[in-house]
C-alpha atoms as a PDB file:
ATOM      1  CA  MET A   1      25.107  16.848  88.634  1.00  0.00           C
ATOM      2  CA  THR A   2      27.356  16.820  85.588  1.00  0.00           C
ATOM      3  CA  PHE A   3      30.862  15.392  85.311  1.00  0.00           C
ATOM      4  CA  VAL A   4      33.578  15.780  82.700  1.00  0.00           C
ATOM      5  CA  LEU A   5      34.443  12.202  81.757  1.00  0.00           C
ATOM      6  CA  SER A   6      37.433  12.675  79.480  1.00  0.00           C
ATOM      7  CA  PRO A   7      40.293  15.045  78.750  1.00  0.00           C
ATOM      8  CA  ALA A   8      38.504  15.851  75.477  1.00  0.00           C
ATOM      9  CA  GLY A   9      35.719  17.390  77.546  1.00  0.00           C
ATOM     10  CA  GLY A  10      32.939  14.822  77.122  1.00  0.00           C
ATOM     11  CA  THR A  11      30.354  15.229  79.872  1.00  0.00           C
ATOM     12  CA  GLN A  12      27.626  13.138  81.431  1.00  0.00           C
ATOM     13  CA  GLN A  13      24.732  14.517  83.436  1.00  0.00           C
ATOM     14  CA  PHE A  14      23.423  12.300  86.238  1.00  0.00           C
ATOM     15  CA  THR A  15      19.848  13.226  87.125  1.00  0.00           C
ATOM     16  CA  THR A  16      18.438  10.157  88.904  1.00  0.00           C
ATOM     17  CA  ILE A  17      19.621   7.657  91.467  1.00  0.00           C
ATOM     18  CA  GLU A  18      18.754   4.888  89.002  1.00  0.00           C
ATOM     19  CA  GLN A  19      21.035   6.423  86.382  1.00  0.00           C
ATOM     20  CA  ALA A  20      23.898   6.692  88.881  1.00  0.00           C
ATOM     21  CA  SER A  21      23.366   3.060  89.860  1.00  0.00           C
ATOM     22  CA  TYR A  22      23.374   1.927  86.229  1.00  0.00           C
ATOM     23  CA  TRP A  23      26.599   3.786  85.468  1.00  0.00           C
ATOM     24  CA  LEU A  24      28.341   2.430  88.553  1.00  0.00           C
ATOM     25  CA  ARG A  25      27.375  -1.140  87.655  1.00  0.00           C
ATOM     26  CA  LYS A  26      27.700  -1.102  83.853  1.00  0.00           C
ATOM     27  CA  LYS A  27      29.825   1.809  82.617  1.00  0.00           C
ATOM     28  CA  TRP A  28      32.244   2.708  85.410  1.00  0.00           C
ATOM     29  CA  PRO A  29      35.882   2.802  84.242  1.00  0.00           C
ATOM     30  CA  VAL A  30      37.415   1.470  87.480  1.00  0.00           C
ATOM     31  CA  ALA A  31      36.430  -1.259  89.921  1.00  0.00           C
ATOM     32  CA  ASP A  32      37.675   0.033  93.264  1.00  0.00           C
ATOM     33  CA  SER A  33      36.460   0.249  96.843  1.00  0.00           C
ATOM     34  CA  CYS A  34      34.928   3.717  96.293  1.00  0.00           C
ATOM     35  CA  ARG A  35      32.780   2.326  93.481  1.00  0.00           C
ATOM     36  CA  GLU A  36      31.657  -0.602  95.624  1.00  0.00           C
ATOM     37  CA  PHE A  37      30.854   1.696  98.543  1.00  0.00           C
ATOM     38  CA  ALA A  38      28.838   3.996  96.269  1.00  0.00           C
ATOM     39  CA  ILE A  39      26.845   1.022  94.944  1.00  0.00           C
ATOM     40  CA  GLU A  40      26.109  -0.087  98.515  1.00  0.00           C
ATOM     41  CA  GLN A  41      25.041   3.419  99.536  1.00  0.00           C
ATOM     42  CA  ILE A  42      22.805   3.867  96.487  1.00  0.00           C
ATOM     43  CA  ASP A  43      21.156   0.492  97.139  1.00  0.00           C
ATOM     44  CA  ALA A  44      20.564   1.495 100.768  1.00  0.00           C
ATOM     45  CA  ALA A  45      19.087   4.861  99.739  1.00  0.00           C
ATOM     46  CA  MET A  46      16.799   3.193  97.205  1.00  0.00           C
ATOM     47  CA  SER A  47      15.561   0.969 100.048  1.00  0.00           C
ATOM     48  CA  CYS A  48      14.994   4.059 102.249  1.00  0.00           C
ATOM     49  CA  LEU A  49      17.646   2.944 104.735  1.00  0.00           C
ATOM     50  CA  ILE A  50      19.851   6.041 104.446  1.00  0.00           C
ATOM     51  CA  PRO A  51      19.341   9.594 103.179  1.00  0.00           C
ATOM     52  CA  VAL A  52      19.814  10.133  99.449  1.00  0.00           C
ATOM     53  CA  GLY A  53      22.382  12.830 100.240  1.00  0.00           C
ATOM     54  CA  VAL A  54      24.671  10.212 101.794  1.00  0.00           C
ATOM     55  CA  ALA A  55      24.468   8.129  98.611  1.00  0.00           C
ATOM     56  CA  ARG A  56      25.118  11.253  96.529  1.00  0.00           C
ATOM     57  CA  GLU A  57      28.298  11.976  98.505  1.00  0.00           C
ATOM     58  CA  ALA A  58      29.489   8.397  97.960  1.00  0.00           C
ATOM     59  CA  PHE A  59      28.768   8.711  94.227  1.00  0.00           C
ATOM     60  CA  VAL A  60      30.715  11.981  93.977  1.00  0.00           C
ATOM     61  CA  SER A  61      33.652  10.382  95.812  1.00  0.00           C
ATOM     62  CA  ALA A  62      33.605   7.417  93.422  1.00  0.00           C
ATOM     63  CA  ALA A  63      33.472   9.798  90.459  1.00  0.00           C
ATOM     64  CA  ARG A  64      36.566  11.597  91.710  1.00  0.00           C
ATOM     65  CA  THR A  65      38.526   8.364  92.158  1.00  0.00           C
ATOM     66  CA  ALA A  66      37.468   7.345  88.638  1.00  0.00           C
ATOM     67  CA  GLY A  67      39.034  10.554  87.327  1.00  0.00           C
ATOM     68  CA  PHE A  68      35.797  12.399  86.612  1.00  0.00           C
ATOM     69  CA  LYS A  69      35.778  16.125  87.300  1.00  0.00           C
ATOM     70  CA  PRO A  70      32.727  18.218  88.204  1.00  0.00           C
ATOM     71  CA  ASP A  71      31.580  20.258  85.212  1.00  0.00           C
ATOM     72  CA  THR A  72      31.704  23.883  86.268  1.00  0.00           C
ATOM     73  CA  PRO A  73      30.566  26.795  84.108  1.00  0.00           C
ATOM     74  CA  ASN A  74      33.316  28.958  82.632  1.00  0.00           C
ATOM     75  CA  ALA A  75      34.079  31.984  84.704  1.00  0.00           C
ATOM     76  CA  GLY A  76      32.769  34.979  82.855  1.00  0.00           C
ATOM     77  CA  PRO A  77      32.310  38.684  83.591  1.00  0.00           C
ATOM     78  CA  ALA A  78      29.297  37.949  85.798  1.00  0.00           C
ATOM     79  CA  ASN A  79      31.459  35.698  87.984  1.00  0.00           C
ATOM     80  CA  SER A  80      34.396  38.114  88.223  1.00  0.00           C
ATOM     81  CA  PRO A  81      35.008  40.175  91.371  1.00  0.00           C
END
């Protein structure tokens, strides 16, 4: 999954659970309860205690509260009705 990190349009692609964990611990712009919950869920998924999808949802929620936006392709003619 890819997120837009800044108003200037800088993006970051997250491809592994380890990368998401690193960003949450070392590079995250806010320290809030959503971040802490996402860290807990990722740790649990890495220990095979919960499904990875649950950790992914927690990560996406933390990204939203940090102000990150999902990177979506521009709508073009192929995406028009």
